[in-house]
Protein backbone atom coordinates (compact mmCIF):
# COMPACT_ATOMS: atom_id res chain seq x y z
CA MET A 1 125.22 32.38 38.40
CA PRO A 2 128.31 34.22 37.20
CA PRO A 3 129.22 37.52 38.90
CA SER A 4 128.67 39.52 35.71
CA SER A 5 125.06 38.35 35.50
CA PHE A 6 124.51 39.07 39.18
CA PHE A 7 125.92 42.60 38.90
CA GLN A 8 123.82 43.35 35.82
CA LYS A 9 120.66 42.24 37.59
CA LEU A 10 121.61 44.07 40.79
CA LEU A 11 122.15 47.31 38.90
CA LEU A 12 118.88 46.84 37.00
CA ILE A 13 116.90 46.19 40.19
CA SER A 14 118.56 49.14 41.93
CA ALA A 15 117.86 51.47 39.00
CA LEU A 16 114.22 50.41 38.78
CA THR A 17 113.78 50.80 42.52
CA GLY A 18 115.40 54.22 42.33
CA LEU A 19 113.11 55.26 39.47
CA VAL A 20 110.01 54.25 41.43
CA LEU A 21 111.28 56.17 44.45
CA ALA A 22 112.12 59.20 42.30
CA GLY A 23 108.59 59.10 40.91
CA LEU A 24 107.22 58.87 44.42
CA HIS A 25 109.27 61.89 45.50
CA PHE A 26 108.08 63.78 42.44
CA LEU A 27 104.40 62.96 42.95
CA ALA A 28 104.13 62.98 46.74
CA ALA A 29 105.43 66.10 48.41
CA PRO A 30 105.69 64.52 51.91
CA ALA A 31 108.08 61.89 50.55
CA LYS A 32 110.61 64.54 49.43
CA GLU A 33 111.72 64.93 53.04
CA HIS A 34 113.17 61.41 52.88
CA ALA A 35 115.16 61.65 49.63
CA VAL A 36 118.52 61.01 51.28
CA PHE A 37 117.06 58.17 53.32
CA SER A 38 115.79 56.62 50.08
CA VAL A 39 119.25 56.67 48.52
CA VAL A 40 120.79 55.24 51.69
CA SER A 41 118.14 52.50 51.79
CA VAL A 42 118.84 51.41 48.21
CA ALA A 43 122.59 51.46 48.88
CA LEU A 44 122.16 49.44 52.07
CA PHE A 45 120.16 46.74 50.33
CA MET A 46 122.62 46.67 47.45
CA LEU A 47 125.40 46.00 49.95
CA ILE A 48 123.37 43.29 51.66
CA CYS A 49 122.71 41.61 48.30
CA LEU A 50 126.38 41.83 47.40
CA GLY A 51 127.42 40.22 50.68
CA LEU A 52 124.77 37.51 50.39
CA TYR A 53 125.78 36.72 46.83
CA TYR A 54 129.38 36.03 47.75
CA ALA A 55 128.45 34.25 50.99
CA GLY A 56 125.85 32.18 49.11
CA LYS A 57 128.32 31.31 46.38
CA SER A 58 130.78 30.14 49.00
CA ALA A 59 128.14 28.22 50.98
CA ALA A 60 126.74 26.55 47.86
CA GLY A 61 130.18 25.15 47.08
CA SER A 62 130.90 24.11 50.65
CA LYS A 63 131.38 20.52 51.70
CA ASN A 64 129.02 21.21 54.61
CA ARG A 65 125.60 20.38 53.21
CA ASN A 66 123.89 22.60 55.78
CA ALA A 67 126.01 25.69 55.11
CA PHE A 68 123.62 27.18 52.56
CA THR A 69 120.54 26.54 54.69
CA ASN A 70 122.27 28.07 57.70
CA LEU A 71 123.24 31.12 55.64
CA VAL A 72 119.64 31.65 54.53
CA SER A 73 118.36 31.35 58.10
CA VAL A 74 120.93 33.78 59.48
CA SER A 75 120.44 36.23 56.62
CA VAL A 76 116.67 36.39 57.09
CA PHE A 77 116.97 37.10 60.79
CA GLY A 78 119.94 39.42 60.37
CA LYS A 79 118.25 41.47 57.68
CA MET A 80 115.13 41.91 59.82
CA VAL A 81 117.25 43.13 62.73
CA VAL A 82 119.21 45.51 60.50
CA ALA A 83 115.98 46.82 58.97
CA LEU A 84 114.41 47.54 62.35
CA ALA A 85 117.63 49.16 63.56
CA VAL A 86 117.86 51.41 60.50
CA LEU A 87 114.24 52.53 60.86
CA PHE A 88 114.66 53.19 64.58
CA ILE A 89 117.94 55.08 64.16
CA TYR A 90 116.53 57.22 61.34
CA GLN A 91 113.45 58.06 63.37
CA GLN A 92 115.50 58.96 66.43
CA THR A 93 118.14 61.02 64.61
CA ALA A 94 116.23 62.71 61.77
CA HIS A 95 112.96 63.29 63.66
CA PRO A 96 110.87 62.99 60.48
CA THR A 97 107.64 64.97 60.36
CA ASN A 98 105.75 62.15 58.61
CA GLN A 99 105.84 58.37 58.31
CA TRP A 100 106.56 58.10 54.58
CA PHE A 101 110.04 56.79 55.32
CA VAL A 102 108.53 53.51 56.53
CA GLY A 103 106.81 52.92 53.18
CA ILE A 104 109.95 53.91 51.28
CA PHE A 105 112.05 51.51 53.31
CA LEU A 106 109.45 48.75 53.03
CA TRP A 107 109.40 49.13 49.24
CA CYS A 108 113.19 48.69 49.12
CA TYR A 109 113.01 45.78 51.55
CA VAL A 110 110.40 43.91 49.51
CA VAL A 111 112.04 44.50 46.12
CA PHE A 112 115.51 43.50 47.26
CA THR A 113 114.18 40.53 49.24
CA ALA A 114 112.48 39.23 46.10
CA PHE A 115 115.76 39.69 44.23
CA GLU A 116 117.64 37.85 46.99
CA VAL A 117 115.23 34.92 46.84
CA TRP A 118 115.73 34.76 43.08
CA PHE A 119 119.53 34.82 43.05
CA MET A 120 119.90 32.61 46.13
CA THR A 121 117.67 30.03 44.43
CA LYS A 122 119.91 30.21 41.37
CA LEU A 123 122.98 29.74 43.57
CA ALA A 124 121.42 26.80 45.39
CA ARG A 125 120.76 25.01 42.11
CA SER A 126 124.31 25.45 40.87
């Protein structure tokens, strides 16, 4: 997968995720409290995807046949730890009055994880 294709898809996924979140903030008043958190969540997952793309591209071309599998294993665990840390830190620092931020973050997590599976599969086949 060439970088230009990856970046186009990443921007498309990010824009669609942002539109869904904007709609949610427009329709559900309690979600408005977490607007900045939503933007930060999308940006965080964009950065994770960017890092995984370049790491996956490198691992796919590696002479070590296990490099790609190891990257996938580490990325799954690492992303779960980062996700839990972000949710915990936000809850402890922002003291949100409702739990909508969990659903917002979960939406981003699921969408970007599906995108990661798609582009990592493409990289593995190359």
